[in-house]
């Protein structure tokens, strides 16, 4: 059972409008460069090295193309950043 909350694309804009909220796209750099919906790009293999970039935010939305990679990263972030609200974009960005 995940320790993060699932959100749908229809809820993304309203959630991003909350203060101190960040969208983290965990696809590979080339995927992000090809098409993205904003936020920052941190591929899964870099996430633990780049946790400090996320500490200033209260809410972190994790997304990928179809929701598979991002659900794994969201689960990791709930453990590493337990004081943050971790949200997962359930169906991905496509």
PDB file of N, CA and C in Angstrom:
ATOM      1  N   UNK A   1       0.848  -1.184   0.000  1.00  0.00           N
ATOM      2  CA  UNK A   1       0.000   0.000   0.000  1.00  0.00           C
ATOM      3  C   UNK A   1       0.890   1.242   0.000  1.00  0.00           C
ATOM      4  N   UNK A   2       0.676   2.160  -0.949  1.00  0.00           N
ATOM      5  CA  UNK A   2       1.529   3.344  -1.023  1.00  0.00           C
ATOM      6  C   UNK A   2       1.276   4.300   0.141  1.00  0.00           C
ATOM      7  N   UNK A   3       2.301   5.047   0.473  1.00  0.00           N
ATOM      8  CA  UNK A   3       2.203   6.060   1.519  1.00  0.00           C
ATOM      9  C   UNK A   3       2.041   7.448   0.918  1.00  0.00           C
ATOM     10  N   UNK A   4       1.692   7.494  -0.337  1.00  0.00           N
ATOM     11  CA  UNK A   4       1.512   8.764  -1.020  1.00  0.00           C
ATOM     12  C   UNK A   4       0.087   8.812  -1.574  1.00  0.00           C
ATOM     13  N   UNK A   5      -0.339  10.015  -1.915  1.00  0.00           N
ATOM     14  CA  UNK A   5      -1.685  10.206  -2.437  1.00  0.00           C
ATOM     15  C   UNK A   5      -1.630  10.271  -3.964  1.00  0.00           C
ATOM     16  N   UNK A   6      -2.586   9.619  -4.608  1.00  0.00           N
ATOM     17  CA  UNK A   6      -2.698   9.662  -6.061  1.00  0.00           C
ATOM     18  C   UNK A   6      -3.530  10.877  -6.465  1.00  0.00           C
ATOM     19  N   UNK A   7      -3.091  11.567  -7.524  1.00  0.00           N
ATOM     20  CA  UNK A   7      -3.909  12.640  -8.094  1.00  0.00           C
ATOM     21  C   UNK A   7      -4.047  12.382  -9.591  1.00  0.00           C
ATOM     22  N   UNK A   8      -5.088  12.932 -10.169  1.00  0.00           N
ATOM     23  CA  UNK A   8      -5.353  12.794 -11.597  1.00  0.00           C
ATOM     24  C   UNK A   8      -4.883  14.044 -12.325  1.00  0.00           C
ATOM     25  N   UNK A   9      -4.694  13.946 -13.625  1.00  0.00           N
ATOM     26  CA  UNK A   9      -4.264  15.107 -14.413  1.00  0.00           C
ATOM     27  C   UNK A   9      -5.205  16.290 -14.232  1.00  0.00           C
ATOM     28  N   UNK A  10      -6.506  16.010 -14.103  1.00  0.00           N
ATOM     29  CA  UNK A  10      -7.468  17.098 -13.942  1.00  0.00           C
ATOM     30  C   UNK A  10      -7.253  17.878 -12.642  1.00  0.00           C
ATOM     31  N   UNK A  11      -6.557  17.289 -11.681  1.00  0.00           N
ATOM     32  CA  UNK A  11      -6.280  17.961 -10.404  1.00  0.00           C
ATOM     33  C   UNK A  11      -4.906  18.621 -10.371  1.00  0.00           C
ATOM     34  N   UNK A  12      -4.108  18.404 -11.412  1.00  0.00           N
ATOM     35  CA  UNK A  12      -2.715  18.856 -11.392  1.00  0.00           C
ATOM     36  C   UNK A  12      -2.586  20.369 -11.286  1.00  0.00           C
ATOM     37  N   UNK A  13      -3.284  21.115 -12.119  1.00  0.00           N
ATOM     38  CA  UNK A  13      -3.137  22.565 -12.133  1.00  0.00           C
ATOM     39  C   UNK A  13      -3.499  23.186 -10.785  1.00  0.00           C
ATOM     40  N   UNK A  14      -4.604  22.773 -10.214  1.00  0.00           N
ATOM     41  CA  UNK A  14      -5.013  23.312  -8.914  1.00  0.00           C
ATOM     42  C   UNK A  14      -3.996  22.971  -7.833  1.00  0.00           C
ATOM     43  N   UNK A  15      -3.452  21.773  -7.894  1.00  0.00           N
ATOM     44  CA  UNK A  15      -2.458  21.363  -6.902  1.00  0.00           C
ATOM     45  C   UNK A  15      -1.175  22.157  -7.067  1.00  0.00           C
ATOM     46  N   UNK A  16      -0.754  22.382  -8.302  1.00  0.00           N
ATOM     47  CA  UNK A  16       0.470  23.160  -8.538  1.00  0.00           C
ATOM     48  C   UNK A  16       0.331  24.609  -8.095  1.00  0.00           C
ATOM     49  N   UNK A  17      -0.878  25.101  -8.001  1.00  0.00           N
ATOM     50  CA  UNK A  17      -1.098  26.478  -7.565  1.00  0.00           C
ATOM     51  C   UNK A  17      -0.949  26.648  -6.056  1.00  0.00           C
ATOM     52  N   UNK A  18      -0.870  25.547  -5.325  1.00  0.00           N
ATOM     53  CA  UNK A  18      -0.652  25.642  -3.878  1.00  0.00           C
ATOM     54  C   UNK A  18       0.774  26.144  -3.636  1.00  0.00           C
ATOM     55  N   UNK A  19       0.982  26.958  -2.601  1.00  0.00           N
ATOM     56  CA  UNK A  19       2.332  27.443  -2.300  1.00  0.00           C
ATOM     57  C   UNK A  19       3.300  26.293  -1.998  1.00  0.00           C
ATOM     58  N   UNK A  20       4.552  26.504  -2.348  1.00  0.00           N
ATOM     59  CA  UNK A  20       5.640  25.569  -2.045  1.00  0.00           C
ATOM     60  C   UNK A  20       5.372  24.158  -2.578  1.00  0.00           C
ATOM     61  N   UNK A  21       4.868  24.119  -3.828  1.00  0.00           N
ATOM     62  CA  UNK A  21       4.583  22.851  -4.496  1.00  0.00           C
ATOM     63  C   UNK A  21       5.474  22.728  -5.720  1.00  0.00           C
ATOM     64  N   UNK A  22       5.999  21.534  -5.946  1.00  0.00           N
ATOM     65  CA  UNK A  22       6.919  21.286  -7.055  1.00  0.00           C
ATOM     66  C   UNK A  22       6.509  20.032  -7.814  1.00  0.00           C
ATOM     67  N   UNK A  23       6.571  20.105  -9.140  1.00  0.00           N
ATOM     68  CA  UNK A  23       6.367  18.944  -9.998  1.00  0.00           C
ATOM     69  C   UNK A  23       7.737  18.379 -10.355  1.00  0.00           C
ATOM     70  N   UNK A  24       7.936  17.092 -10.083  1.00  0.00           N
ATOM     71  CA  UNK A  24       9.182  16.413 -10.424  1.00  0.00           C
ATOM     72  C   UNK A  24       8.880  15.362 -11.489  1.00  0.00           C
ATOM     73  N   UNK A  25       9.433  15.570 -12.665  1.00  0.00           N
ATOM     74  CA  UNK A  25       9.284  14.629 -13.777  1.00  0.00           C
ATOM     75  C   UNK A  25      10.475  13.679 -13.708  1.00  0.00           C
ATOM     76  N   UNK A  26      10.210  12.390 -13.511  1.00  0.00           N
ATOM     77  CA  UNK A  26      11.294  11.430 -13.296  1.00  0.00           C
ATOM     78  C   UNK A  26      11.657  10.651 -14.565  1.00  0.00           C
ATOM     79  N   UNK A  27      11.211  11.128 -15.715  1.00  0.00           N
ATOM     80  CA  UNK A  27      11.627  10.487 -16.958  1.00  0.00           C
ATOM     81  C   UNK A  27      13.088  10.832 -17.247  1.00  0.00           C
ATOM     82  N   UNK A  28      13.657  10.160 -18.220  1.00  0.00           N
ATOM     83  CA  UNK A  28      15.042  10.436 -18.597  1.00  0.00           C
ATOM     84  C   UNK A  28      15.152  11.822 -19.216  1.00  0.00           C
ATOM     85  N   UNK A  29      16.351  12.383 -19.222  1.00  0.00           N
ATOM     86  CA  UNK A  29      16.595  13.745 -19.705  1.00  0.00           C
ATOM     87  C   UNK A  29      16.084  13.922 -21.137  1.00  0.00           C
ATOM     88  N   UNK A  30      16.359  12.962 -21.988  1.00  0.00           N
ATOM     89  CA  UNK A  30      15.940  13.088 -23.389  1.00  0.00           C
ATOM     90  C   UNK A  30      14.415  13.061 -23.520  1.00  0.00           C
ATOM     91  N   UNK A  31      13.731  12.322 -22.660  1.00  0.00           N
ATOM     92  CA  UNK A  31      12.268  12.294 -22.694  1.00  0.00           C
ATOM     93  C   UNK A  31      11.706  13.649 -22.272  1.00  0.00           C
ATOM     94  N   UNK A  32      12.287  14.217 -21.219  1.00  0.00           N
ATOM     95  CA  UNK A  32      11.859  15.517 -20.706  1.00  0.00           C
ATOM     96  C   UNK A  32      12.100  16.602 -21.755  1.00  0.00           C
ATOM     97  N   UNK A  33      13.252  16.539 -22.427  1.00  0.00           N
ATOM     98  CA  UNK A  33      13.578  17.530 -23.457  1.00  0.00           C
ATOM     99  C   UNK A  33      12.619  17.422 -24.646  1.00  0.00           C
ATOM    100  N   UNK A  34      12.198  16.221 -24.960  1.00  0.00           N
ATOM    101  CA  UNK A  34      11.309  15.983 -26.089  1.00  0.00           C
ATOM    102  C   UNK A  34       9.905  16.534 -25.826  1.00  0.00           C
ATOM    103  N   UNK A  35       9.393  16.345 -24.603  1.00  0.00           N
ATOM    104  CA  UNK A  35       8.065  16.822 -24.226  1.00  0.00           C
ATOM    105  C   UNK A  35       7.973  16.859 -22.706  1.00  0.00           C
ATOM    106  N   UNK A  36       7.493  17.979 -22.180  1.00  0.00           N
ATOM    107  CA  UNK A  36       7.285  18.041 -20.733  1.00  0.00           C
ATOM    108  C   UNK A  36       6.131  18.969 -20.418  1.00  0.00           C
ATOM    109  N   UNK A  37       5.641  18.864 -19.195  1.00  0.00           N
ATOM    110  CA  UNK A  37       4.525  19.699 -18.746  1.00  0.00           C
ATOM    111  C   UNK A  37       4.969  20.671 -17.661  1.00  0.00           C
ATOM    112  N   UNK A  38       6.288  20.887 -17.566  1.00  0.00           N
ATOM    113  CA  UNK A  38       6.833  21.817 -16.584  1.00  0.00           C
ATOM    114  C   UNK A  38       7.518  21.087 -15.448  1.00  0.00           C
ATOM    115  N   UNK A  39       7.807  21.820 -14.417  1.00  0.00           N
ATOM    116  CA  UNK A  39       8.493  21.248 -13.266  1.00  0.00           C
ATOM    117  C   UNK A  39       9.972  21.053 -13.545  1.00  0.00           C
ATOM    118  N   UNK A  40      10.596  20.224 -12.726  1.00  0.00           N
ATOM    119  CA  UNK A  40      12.006  19.925 -12.910  1.00  0.00           C
ATOM    120  C   UNK A  40      12.159  18.461 -13.280  1.00  0.00           C
ATOM    121  N   UNK A  41      13.271  18.148 -13.898  1.00  0.00           N
ATOM    122  CA  UNK A  41      13.543  16.789 -14.339  1.00  0.00           C
ATOM    123  C   UNK A  41      14.616  16.174 -13.458  1.00  0.00           C
ATOM    124  N   UNK A  42      14.262  15.079 -12.787  1.00  0.00           N
ATOM    125  CA  UNK A  42      15.225  14.296 -12.015  1.00  0.00           C
ATOM    126  C   UNK A  42      14.985  12.823 -12.353  1.00  0.00           C
ATOM    127  N   UNK A  43      15.824  12.234 -13.208  1.00  0.00           N
ATOM    128  CA  UNK A  43      15.662  10.814 -13.520  1.00  0.00           C
ATOM    129  C   UNK A  43      15.783   9.956 -12.259  1.00  0.00           C
ATOM    130  N   UNK A  44      15.147   8.792 -12.245  1.00  0.00           N
ATOM    131  CA  UNK A  44      15.142   7.947 -11.040  1.00  0.00           C
ATOM    132  C   UNK A  44      16.523   7.641 -10.468  1.00  0.00           C
ATOM    133  N   UNK A  45      17.501   7.424 -11.334  1.00  0.00           N
ATOM    134  CA  UNK A  45      18.835   7.063 -10.838  1.00  0.00           C
ATOM    135  C   UNK A  45      19.555   8.231 -10.168  1.00  0.00           C
ATOM    136  N   UNK A  46      18.998   9.447 -10.257  1.00  0.00           N
ATOM    137  CA  UNK A  46      19.606  10.626  -9.635  1.00  0.00           C
ATOM    138  C   UNK A  46      18.856  11.093  -8.391  1.00  0.00           C
ATOM    139  N   UNK A  47      17.717  10.520  -8.112  1.00  0.00           N
ATOM    140  CA  UNK A  47      16.822  11.080  -7.095  1.00  0.00           C
ATOM    141  C   UNK A  47      17.459  11.157  -5.710  1.00  0.00           C
ATOM    142  N   UNK A  48      18.158  10.121  -5.271  1.00  0.00           N
ATOM    143  CA  UNK A  48      18.724  10.161  -3.918  1.00  0.00           C
ATOM    144  C   UNK A  48      19.867  11.168  -3.819  1.00  0.00           C
ATOM    145  N   UNK A  49      20.558  11.409  -4.917  1.00  0.00           N
ATOM    146  CA  UNK A  49      21.655  12.390  -4.919  1.00  0.00           C
ATOM    147  C   UNK A  49      21.133  13.824  -4.935  1.00  0.00           C
ATOM    148  N   UNK A  50      19.877  14.009  -5.310  1.00  0.00           N
ATOM    149  CA  UNK A  50      19.344  15.356  -5.499  1.00  0.00           C
ATOM    150  C   UNK A  50      18.218  15.702  -4.524  1.00  0.00           C
ATOM    151  N   UNK A  51      18.145  15.004  -3.419  1.00  0.00           N
ATOM    152  CA  UNK A  51      17.094  15.258  -2.432  1.00  0.00           C
ATOM    153  C   UNK A  51      17.116  16.686  -1.899  1.00  0.00           C
ATOM    154  N   UNK A  52      18.300  17.286  -1.784  1.00  0.00           N
ATOM    155  CA  UNK A  52      18.389  18.647  -1.252  1.00  0.00           C
ATOM    156  C   UNK A  52      17.607  19.649  -2.101  1.00  0.00           C
ATOM    157  N   UNK A  53      17.465  19.381  -3.382  1.00  0.00           N
ATOM    158  CA  UNK A  53      16.707  20.276  -4.263  1.00  0.00           C
ATOM    159  C   UNK A  53      15.219  20.281  -3.916  1.00  0.00           C
ATOM    160  N   UNK A  54      14.773  19.286  -3.186  1.00  0.00           N
ATOM    161  CA  UNK A  54      13.348  19.132  -2.886  1.00  0.00           C
ATOM    162  C   UNK A  54      12.973  19.596  -1.483  1.00  0.00           C
ATOM    163  N   UNK A  55      13.942  19.827  -0.650  1.00  0.00           N
ATOM    164  CA  UNK A  55      13.680  20.100   0.768  1.00  0.00           C
ATOM    165  C   UNK A  55      12.938  21.409   1.050  1.00  0.00           C
ATOM    166  N   UNK A  56      12.998  22.375   0.136  1.00  0.00           N
ATOM    167  CA  UNK A  56      12.323  23.658   0.360  1.00  0.00           C
ATOM    168  C   UNK A  56      10.838  23.632   0.018  1.00  0.00           C
ATOM    169  N   UNK A  57      10.359  22.519  -0.465  1.00  0.00           N
ATOM    170  CA  UNK A  57       8.958  22.405  -0.875  1.00  0.00           C
ATOM    171  C   UNK A  57       8.163  21.598   0.141  1.00  0.00           C
ATOM    172  N   UNK A  58       6.892  21.957   0.302  1.00  0.00           N
ATOM    173  CA  UNK A  58       6.015  21.225   1.215  1.00  0.00           C
ATOM    174  C   UNK A  58       5.308  20.072   0.506  1.00  0.00           C
ATOM    175  N   UNK A  59       5.001  20.291  -0.779  1.00  0.00           N
ATOM    176  CA  UNK A  59       4.284  19.300  -1.574  1.00  0.00           C
ATOM    177  C   UNK A  59       5.097  18.997  -2.817  1.00  0.00           C
ATOM    178  N   UNK A  60       5.291  17.712  -3.096  1.00  0.00           N
ATOM    179  CA  UNK A  60       6.050  17.280  -4.266  1.00  0.00           C
ATOM    180  C   UNK A  60       5.170  16.332  -5.067  1.00  0.00           C
ATOM    181  N   UNK A  61       4.941  16.697  -6.328  1.00  0.00           N
ATOM    182  CA  UNK A  61       4.165  15.860  -7.242  1.00  0.00           C
ATOM    183  C   UNK A  61       5.159  15.123  -8.125  1.00  0.00           C
ATOM    184  N   UNK A  62       5.049  13.814  -8.182  1.00  0.00           N
ATOM    185  CA  UNK A  62       5.971  13.000  -8.965  1.00  0.00           C
ATOM    186  C   UNK A  62       5.225  12.463 -10.188  1.00  0.00           C
ATOM    187  N   UNK A  63       5.857  12.618 -11.373  1.00  0.00           N
ATOM    188  CA  UNK A  63       5.216  12.198 -12.618  1.00  0.00           C
ATOM    189  C   UNK A  63       6.218  11.542 -13.555  1.00  0.00           C
ATOM    190  N   UNK A  64       5.700  10.692 -14.431  1.00  0.00           N
ATOM    191  CA  UNK A  64       6.474  10.123 -15.531  1.00  0.00           C
ATOM    192  C   UNK A  64       5.517   9.937 -16.705  1.00  0.00           C
ATOM    193  N   UNK A  65       5.897   9.160 -17.689  1.00  0.00           N
ATOM    194  CA  UNK A  65       5.043   9.033 -18.871  1.00  0.00           C
ATOM    195  C   UNK A  65       3.748   8.265 -18.600  1.00  0.00           C
ATOM    196  N   UNK A  66       3.814   7.173 -17.835  1.00  0.00           N
ATOM    197  CA  UNK A  66       2.598   6.382 -17.612  1.00  0.00           C
ATOM    198  C   UNK A  66       2.317   6.056 -16.149  1.00  0.00           C
ATOM    199  N   UNK A  67       3.139   6.515 -15.240  1.00  0.00           N
ATOM    200  CA  UNK A  67       2.892   6.324 -13.818  1.00  0.00           C
ATOM    201  C   UNK A  67       3.694   5.220 -13.157  1.00  0.00           C
ATOM    202  N   UNK A  68       4.420   4.427 -13.918  1.00  0.00           N
ATOM    203  CA  UNK A  68       5.154   3.308 -13.331  1.00  0.00           C
ATOM    204  C   UNK A  68       6.404   3.769 -12.588  1.00  0.00           C
ATOM    205  N   UNK A  69       7.294   4.464 -13.279  1.00  0.00           N
ATOM    206  CA  UNK A  69       8.524   4.939 -12.628  1.00  0.00           C
ATOM    207  C   UNK A  69       8.212   5.917 -11.501  1.00  0.00           C
ATOM    208  N   UNK A  70       7.248   6.792 -11.746  1.00  0.00           N
ATOM    209  CA  UNK A  70       6.942   7.807 -10.741  1.00  0.00           C
ATOM    210  C   UNK A  70       6.355   7.200  -9.468  1.00  0.00           C
ATOM    211  N   UNK A  71       5.625   6.086  -9.564  1.00  0.00           N
ATOM    212  CA  UNK A  71       5.098   5.465  -8.341  1.00  0.00           C
ATOM    213  C   UNK A  71       6.228   4.899  -7.491  1.00  0.00           C
ATOM    214  N   UNK A  72       7.255   4.369  -8.129  1.00  0.00           N
ATOM    215  CA  UNK A  72       8.419   3.857  -7.394  1.00  0.00           C
ATOM    216  C   UNK A  72       9.155   5.007  -6.709  1.00  0.00           C
ATOM    217  N   UNK A  73       9.353   6.101  -7.443  1.00  0.00           N
ATOM    218  CA  UNK A  73      10.044   7.262  -6.869  1.00  0.00           C
ATOM    219  C   UNK A  73       9.203   7.899  -5.767  1.00  0.00           C
ATOM    220  N   UNK A  74       7.902   7.978  -5.949  1.00  0.00           N
ATOM    221  CA  UNK A  74       7.025   8.543  -4.902  1.00  0.00           C
ATOM    222  C   UNK A  74       7.139   7.736  -3.616  1.00  0.00           C
ATOM    223  N   UNK A  75       7.179   6.430  -3.748  1.00  0.00           N
ATOM    224  CA  UNK A  75       7.331   5.566  -2.562  1.00  0.00           C
ATOM    225  C   UNK A  75       8.665   5.838  -1.865  1.00  0.00           C
ATOM    226  N   UNK A  76       9.721   5.990  -2.639  1.00  0.00           N
ATOM    227  CA  UNK A  76      11.042   6.308  -2.080  1.00  0.00           C
ATOM    228  C   UNK A  76      11.021   7.661  -1.371  1.00  0.00           C
ATOM    229  N   UNK A  77      10.401   8.655  -2.005  1.00  0.00           N
ATOM    230  CA  UNK A  77      10.367   9.997  -1.411  1.00  0.00           C
ATOM    231  C   UNK A  77       9.574  10.037  -0.113  1.00  0.00           C
ATOM    232  N   UNK A  78       8.553   9.208   0.022  1.00  0.00           N
ATOM    233  CA  UNK A  78       7.805   9.185   1.279  1.00  0.00           C
ATOM    234  C   UNK A  78       8.691   8.713   2.426  1.00  0.00           C
ATOM    235  N   UNK A  79       9.677   7.896   2.109  1.00  0.00           N
ATOM    236  CA  UNK A  79      10.613   7.430   3.144  1.00  0.00           C
ATOM    237  C   UNK A  79      11.722   8.441   3.391  1.00  0.00           C
ATOM    238  N   UNK A  80      12.262   9.026   2.327  1.00  0.00           N
ATOM    239  CA  UNK A  80      13.400   9.938   2.439  1.00  0.00           C
ATOM    240  C   UNK A  80      12.998  11.342   2.883  1.00  0.00           C
ATOM    241  N   UNK A  81      11.792  11.748   2.531  1.00  0.00           N
ATOM    242  CA  UNK A  81      11.294  13.093   2.871  1.00  0.00           C
ATOM    243  C   UNK A  81       9.954  12.949   3.588  1.00  0.00           C
ATOM    244  N   UNK A  82       9.981  12.275   4.705  1.00  0.00           N
ATOM    245  CA  UNK A  82       8.742  11.919   5.407  1.00  0.00           C
ATOM    246  C   UNK A  82       7.941  13.128   5.904  1.00  0.00           C
ATOM    247  N   UNK A  83       8.556  14.290   5.980  1.00  0.00           N
ATOM    248  CA  UNK A  83       7.846  15.484   6.434  1.00  0.00           C
ATOM    249  C   UNK A  83       7.151  16.226   5.288  1.00  0.00           C
ATOM    250  N   UNK A  84       7.245  15.701   4.062  1.00  0.00           N
ATOM    251  CA  UNK A  84       6.650  16.342   2.890  1.00  0.00           C
ATOM    252  C   UNK A  84       5.386  15.601   2.459  1.00  0.00           C
ATOM    253  N   UNK A  85       4.504  16.320   1.788  1.00  0.00           N
ATOM    254  CA  UNK A  85       3.351  15.684   1.163  1.00  0.00           C
ATOM    255  C   UNK A  85       3.790  15.223  -0.227  1.00  0.00           C
ATOM    256  N   UNK A  86       3.780  13.935  -0.442  1.00  0.00           N
ATOM    257  CA  UNK A  86       4.187  13.373  -1.726  1.00  0.00           C
ATOM    258  C   UNK A  86       2.926  12.947  -2.476  1.00  0.00           C
ATOM    259  N   UNK A  87       2.784  13.483  -3.677  1.00  0.00           N
ATOM    260  CA  UNK A  87       1.644  13.165  -4.529  1.00  0.00           C
ATOM    261  C   UNK A  87       2.148  12.485  -5.796  1.00  0.00           C
ATOM    262  N   UNK A  88       1.360  11.583  -6.304  1.00  0.00           N
ATOM    263  CA  UNK A  88       1.732  10.846  -7.510  1.00  0.00           C
ATOM    264  C   UNK A  88       0.707  11.107  -8.605  1.00  0.00           C
ATOM    265  N   UNK A  89       1.193  11.542  -9.782  1.00  0.00           N
ATOM    266  CA  UNK A  89       0.302  11.752 -10.915  1.00  0.00           C
ATOM    267  C   UNK A  89      -0.036  10.396 -11.495  1.00  0.00           C
ATOM    268  N   UNK A  90      -1.193   9.902 -11.140  1.00  0.00           N
ATOM    269  CA  UNK A  90      -1.579   8.502 -11.303  1.00  0.00           C
ATOM    270  C   UNK A  90      -1.412   7.934 -12.705  1.00  0.00           C
ATOM    271  N   UNK A  91      -1.867   8.619 -13.699  1.00  0.00           N
ATOM    272  CA  UNK A  91      -1.837   8.067 -15.056  1.00  0.00           C
ATOM    273  C   UNK A  91      -0.688   8.590 -15.896  1.00  0.00           C
ATOM    274  N   UNK A  92       0.219   9.320 -15.293  1.00  0.00           N
ATOM    275  CA  UNK A  92       1.342   9.881 -16.046  1.00  0.00           C
ATOM    276  C   UNK A  92       0.937  11.106 -16.841  1.00  0.00           C
ATOM    277  N   UNK A  93       1.896  11.611 -17.613  1.00  0.00           N
ATOM    278  CA  UNK A  93       1.652  12.870 -18.330  1.00  0.00           C
ATOM    279  C   UNK A  93       1.035  12.669 -19.705  1.00  0.00           C
ATOM    280  N   UNK A  94       0.926  11.433 -20.168  1.00  0.00           N
ATOM    281  CA  UNK A  94       0.345  11.183 -21.496  1.00  0.00           C
ATOM    282  C   UNK A  94      -1.066  10.668 -21.387  1.00  0.00           C
TER     283      UNK A  94
END
